[in-house]
Amino acid sequence: MRKRDRFLAALTLGLAAIALLDQLGRQPADRDWHGRVLGVPYDFRPPTLDRFLSRIWNPDDERILVPHFIGIGWTINLYQVKRRAQLLIA
């Protein structure tokens, strides 16, 4: 494993640990298992098909990078990629 890969893995693990500690530090009724840690989105809720689809194909969200439907970080809104590619080609 290269240094960069080890660094990114350690960074991701550290952010996930901070997010989990934040959630576990709350009262059980206040835990929602999603949010942001140091600006990075996380979502530890059980995945749903609706959330998955709303993240990878969402015409109502102008962003290309959207929060993962589970885990920590971002994923790509493929609808916006398609739309912008069509604008470039037209």
N, C-alpha and C. Protein backbone atom coordinates (compact mmCIF):
# COMPACT_ATOMS: atom_id res chain seq x y z
N MET A 1 0.84 -1.18 0.00
CA MET A 1 0.00 0.00 0.00
C MET A 1 0.89 1.25 0.00
N ARG A 2 0.60 2.17 -0.90
CA ARG A 2 1.40 3.38 -0.99
C ARG A 2 1.08 4.33 0.15
N LYS A 3 2.01 5.26 0.38
CA LYS A 3 1.83 6.22 1.48
C LYS A 3 0.54 7.00 1.34
N ARG A 4 0.23 7.43 0.13
CA ARG A 4 -1.00 8.20 -0.10
C ARG A 4 -2.23 7.38 0.26
N ASP A 5 -2.24 6.12 -0.14
CA ASP A 5 -3.38 5.25 0.17
C ASP A 5 -3.51 5.03 1.67
N ARG A 6 -2.39 4.84 2.34
CA ARG A 6 -2.42 4.66 3.79
C ARG A 6 -2.92 5.93 4.47
N PHE A 7 -2.47 7.08 3.97
CA PHE A 7 -2.92 8.36 4.54
C PHE A 7 -4.42 8.52 4.37
N LEU A 8 -4.94 8.27 3.16
CA LEU A 8 -6.38 8.43 2.91
C LEU A 8 -7.20 7.44 3.74
N ALA A 9 -6.70 6.22 3.88
CA ALA A 9 -7.40 5.23 4.71
C ALA A 9 -7.43 5.67 6.17
N ALA A 10 -6.30 6.16 6.67
CA ALA A 10 -6.23 6.63 8.06
C ALA A 10 -7.12 7.85 8.26
N LEU A 11 -7.13 8.76 7.30
CA LEU A 11 -7.98 9.94 7.39
C LEU A 11 -9.46 9.56 7.42
N THR A 12 -9.86 8.67 6.54
CA THR A 12 -11.24 8.22 6.49
C THR A 12 -11.64 7.52 7.79
N LEU A 13 -10.77 6.66 8.27
CA LEU A 13 -11.03 5.96 9.53
C LEU A 13 -11.12 6.95 10.69
N GLY A 14 -10.24 7.94 10.72
CA GLY A 14 -10.27 8.96 11.77
C GLY A 14 -11.55 9.77 11.75
N LEU A 15 -11.98 10.19 10.55
CA LEU A 15 -13.23 10.95 10.43
C LEU A 15 -14.43 10.10 10.86
N ALA A 16 -14.43 8.83 10.46
CA ALA A 16 -15.52 7.95 10.86
C ALA A 16 -15.54 7.77 12.37
N ALA A 17 -14.37 7.65 12.98
CA ALA A 17 -14.30 7.50 14.45
C ALA A 17 -14.84 8.75 15.15
N ILE A 18 -14.46 9.92 14.64
CA ILE A 18 -14.95 11.17 15.23
C ILE A 18 -16.48 11.25 15.11
N ALA A 19 -17.00 10.89 13.93
CA ALA A 19 -18.45 10.93 13.72
C ALA A 19 -19.16 9.96 14.66
N LEU A 20 -18.63 8.75 14.80
CA LEU A 20 -19.24 7.77 15.70
C LEU A 20 -19.20 8.24 17.15
N LEU A 21 -18.07 8.79 17.56
CA LEU A 21 -17.95 9.29 18.93
C LEU A 21 -18.93 10.44 19.18
N ASP A 22 -19.11 11.29 18.17
CA ASP A 22 -20.08 12.37 18.29
C ASP A 22 -21.49 11.81 18.49
N GLN A 23 -21.86 10.83 17.67
CA GLN A 23 -23.19 10.24 17.79
C GLN A 23 -23.37 9.53 19.12
N LEU A 24 -22.37 8.77 19.54
CA LEU A 24 -22.48 8.02 20.79
C LEU A 24 -22.44 8.93 22.01
N GLY A 25 -21.90 10.14 21.85
CA GLY A 25 -21.88 11.10 22.94
C GLY A 25 -23.21 11.80 23.16
N ARG A 26 -24.13 11.63 22.23
CA ARG A 26 -25.46 12.24 22.34
C ARG A 26 -26.39 11.31 23.12
N GLN A 27 -27.47 11.89 23.58
CA GLN A 27 -28.51 11.08 24.19
C GLN A 27 -29.11 10.18 23.11
N PRO A 28 -29.50 8.96 23.44
CA PRO A 28 -30.04 8.06 22.42
C PRO A 28 -31.15 8.67 21.56
N ALA A 29 -32.01 9.46 22.15
CA ALA A 29 -33.11 10.07 21.39
C ALA A 29 -32.59 11.12 20.40
N ASP A 30 -31.39 11.65 20.62
CA ASP A 30 -30.84 12.70 19.77
C ASP A 30 -29.92 12.17 18.67
N ARG A 31 -29.66 10.87 18.65
CA ARG A 31 -28.78 10.29 17.64
C ARG A 31 -29.54 10.13 16.32
N ASP A 32 -29.02 10.76 15.27
CA ASP A 32 -29.65 10.62 13.96
C ASP A 32 -28.76 9.88 12.96
N TRP A 33 -27.52 9.63 13.33
CA TRP A 33 -26.56 8.82 12.59
C TRP A 33 -26.20 9.37 11.21
N HIS A 34 -26.42 10.65 11.00
CA HIS A 34 -25.92 11.29 9.78
C HIS A 34 -25.63 12.76 10.09
N GLY A 35 -24.74 13.33 9.29
CA GLY A 35 -24.35 14.72 9.48
C GLY A 35 -23.02 14.99 8.81
N ARG A 36 -22.23 15.89 9.40
CA ARG A 36 -20.93 16.26 8.86
C ARG A 36 -19.90 16.26 9.98
N VAL A 37 -18.69 15.87 9.64
CA VAL A 37 -17.57 15.94 10.57
C VAL A 37 -16.43 16.62 9.82
N LEU A 38 -15.99 17.76 10.35
CA LEU A 38 -14.95 18.57 9.71
C LEU A 38 -15.28 18.83 8.23
N GLY A 39 -16.56 19.05 7.94
CA GLY A 39 -17.00 19.37 6.59
C GLY A 39 -17.27 18.17 5.69
N VAL A 40 -16.98 16.98 6.16
CA VAL A 40 -17.17 15.77 5.36
C VAL A 40 -18.48 15.10 5.78
N PRO A 41 -19.38 14.83 4.82
CA PRO A 41 -20.66 14.21 5.18
C PRO A 41 -20.50 12.74 5.55
N TYR A 42 -21.36 12.30 6.47
CA TYR A 42 -21.41 10.88 6.81
C TYR A 42 -22.86 10.47 6.99
N ASP A 43 -23.12 9.19 6.76
CA ASP A 43 -24.46 8.64 6.95
C ASP A 43 -24.29 7.18 7.36
N PHE A 44 -24.58 6.90 8.62
CA PHE A 44 -24.44 5.54 9.15
C PHE A 44 -25.79 4.86 9.34
N ARG A 45 -26.85 5.46 8.79
CA ARG A 45 -28.17 4.84 8.87
C ARG A 45 -28.21 3.63 7.93
N PRO A 46 -29.08 2.66 8.22
CA PRO A 46 -29.22 1.54 7.28
C PRO A 46 -29.61 2.09 5.90
N PRO A 47 -28.99 1.57 4.84
CA PRO A 47 -29.29 2.10 3.50
C PRO A 47 -30.70 1.75 3.05
N THR A 48 -31.26 2.63 2.24
CA THR A 48 -32.56 2.37 1.63
C THR A 48 -32.43 2.58 0.13
N LEU A 49 -33.29 1.93 -0.62
CA LEU A 49 -33.28 2.10 -2.07
C LEU A 49 -33.59 3.55 -2.45
N ASP A 50 -34.55 4.16 -1.76
CA ASP A 50 -34.91 5.55 -2.06
C ASP A 50 -33.72 6.49 -1.85
N ARG A 51 -32.99 6.33 -0.75
CA ARG A 51 -31.84 7.19 -0.49
C ARG A 51 -30.74 6.94 -1.53
N PHE A 52 -30.52 5.68 -1.86
CA PHE A 52 -29.52 5.34 -2.88
C PHE A 52 -29.85 6.02 -4.20
N LEU A 53 -31.09 5.88 -4.65
CA LEU A 53 -31.48 6.48 -5.92
C LEU A 53 -31.45 7.99 -5.88
N SER A 54 -31.83 8.58 -4.74
CA SER A 54 -31.84 10.04 -4.65
C SER A 54 -30.43 10.62 -4.64
N ARG A 55 -29.45 9.81 -4.36
CA ARG A 55 -28.06 10.29 -4.36
C ARG A 55 -27.40 10.09 -5.72
N ILE A 56 -27.66 8.96 -6.38
CA ILE A 56 -26.94 8.72 -7.64
C ILE A 56 -27.69 9.22 -8.87
N TRP A 57 -29.00 9.50 -8.74
CA TRP A 57 -29.77 10.00 -9.89
C TRP A 57 -30.83 10.96 -9.38
N ASN A 58 -30.43 12.24 -9.23
CA ASN A 58 -31.34 13.22 -8.64
C ASN A 58 -31.40 14.48 -9.49
N PRO A 59 -32.44 14.60 -10.33
CA PRO A 59 -32.58 15.80 -11.14
C PRO A 59 -32.85 17.07 -10.33
N ASP A 60 -33.32 16.92 -9.10
CA ASP A 60 -33.65 18.08 -8.27
C ASP A 60 -32.46 18.65 -7.52
N ASP A 61 -31.32 17.97 -7.54
CA ASP A 61 -30.12 18.43 -6.84
C ASP A 61 -29.09 18.85 -7.89
N GLU A 62 -28.72 20.12 -7.89
CA GLU A 62 -27.79 20.65 -8.89
C GLU A 62 -26.35 20.19 -8.69
N ARG A 63 -26.04 19.65 -7.50
CA ARG A 63 -24.66 19.26 -7.21
C ARG A 63 -24.27 17.98 -7.96
N ILE A 64 -23.00 17.92 -8.35
CA ILE A 64 -22.46 16.68 -8.91
C ILE A 64 -22.00 15.77 -7.78
N LEU A 65 -21.30 16.33 -6.81
CA LEU A 65 -20.86 15.55 -5.65
C LEU A 65 -21.88 15.70 -4.53
N VAL A 66 -22.44 14.58 -4.12
CA VAL A 66 -23.45 14.55 -3.05
C VAL A 66 -22.99 13.57 -1.98
N PRO A 67 -23.51 13.68 -0.76
CA PRO A 67 -23.09 12.75 0.28
C PRO A 67 -23.41 11.29 -0.09
N HIS A 68 -22.52 10.38 0.33
CA HIS A 68 -22.78 8.95 0.15
C HIS A 68 -24.12 8.59 0.77
N PHE A 69 -24.76 7.56 0.24
CA PHE A 69 -26.00 7.10 0.85
C PHE A 69 -25.72 6.25 2.08
N ILE A 70 -24.49 5.78 2.23
CA ILE A 70 -24.05 5.11 3.46
C ILE A 70 -22.53 5.26 3.55
N GLY A 71 -22.06 5.55 4.74
CA GLY A 71 -20.62 5.70 4.94
C GLY A 71 -20.22 7.15 5.07
N ILE A 72 -18.97 7.42 4.68
CA ILE A 72 -18.42 8.76 4.85
C ILE A 72 -17.86 9.24 3.51
N GLY A 73 -18.14 10.49 3.17
CA GLY A 73 -17.62 11.06 1.92
C GLY A 73 -18.72 11.40 0.95
N TRP A 74 -18.35 11.44 -0.31
CA TRP A 74 -19.25 11.87 -1.37
C TRP A 74 -19.40 10.79 -2.43
N THR A 75 -20.47 10.93 -3.21
CA THR A 75 -20.68 10.09 -4.38
C THR A 75 -21.10 11.02 -5.53
N ILE A 76 -21.26 10.47 -6.70
CA ILE A 76 -21.55 11.28 -7.88
C ILE A 76 -23.03 11.19 -8.24
N ASN A 77 -23.65 12.35 -8.44
CA ASN A 77 -25.02 12.44 -8.92
C ASN A 77 -24.94 12.29 -10.45
N LEU A 78 -25.18 11.08 -10.93
CA LEU A 78 -24.99 10.78 -12.35
C LEU A 78 -25.95 11.56 -13.25
N TYR A 79 -27.12 11.93 -12.73
CA TYR A 79 -28.04 12.73 -13.52
C TYR A 79 -27.39 14.06 -13.91
N GLN A 80 -26.74 14.71 -12.95
CA GLN A 80 -26.12 16.00 -13.24
C GLN A 80 -24.93 15.86 -14.19
N VAL A 81 -24.22 14.76 -14.09
CA VAL A 81 -23.12 14.50 -15.04
C VAL A 81 -23.69 14.37 -16.44
N LYS A 82 -24.76 13.59 -16.59
CA LYS A 82 -25.41 13.41 -17.89
C LYS A 82 -25.93 14.74 -18.44
N ARG A 83 -26.60 15.50 -17.58
CA ARG A 83 -27.16 16.78 -18.01
C ARG A 83 -26.08 17.73 -18.48
N ARG A 84 -24.99 17.82 -17.75
CA ARG A 84 -23.94 18.75 -18.13
C ARG A 84 -23.18 18.28 -19.35
N ALA A 85 -23.04 16.98 -19.52
CA ALA A 85 -22.41 16.45 -20.74
C ALA A 85 -23.26 16.79 -21.96
N GLN A 86 -24.59 16.68 -21.80
CA GLN A 86 -25.48 17.03 -22.90
C GLN A 86 -25.38 18.51 -23.26
N LEU A 87 -25.20 19.36 -22.24
CA LEU A 87 -25.05 20.81 -22.51
C LEU A 87 -23.77 21.09 -23.27
N LEU A 88 -22.71 20.34 -22.98
CA LEU A 88 -21.44 20.52 -23.68
C LEU A 88 -21.52 20.06 -25.13
N ILE A 89 -22.27 18.99 -25.36
CA ILE A 89 -22.36 18.41 -26.70
C ILE A 89 -23.29 19.23 -27.59
N ALA A 90 -24.35 19.78 -27.00
CA ALA A 90 -25.36 20.52 -27.79
C ALA A 90 -24.84 21.79 -28.39
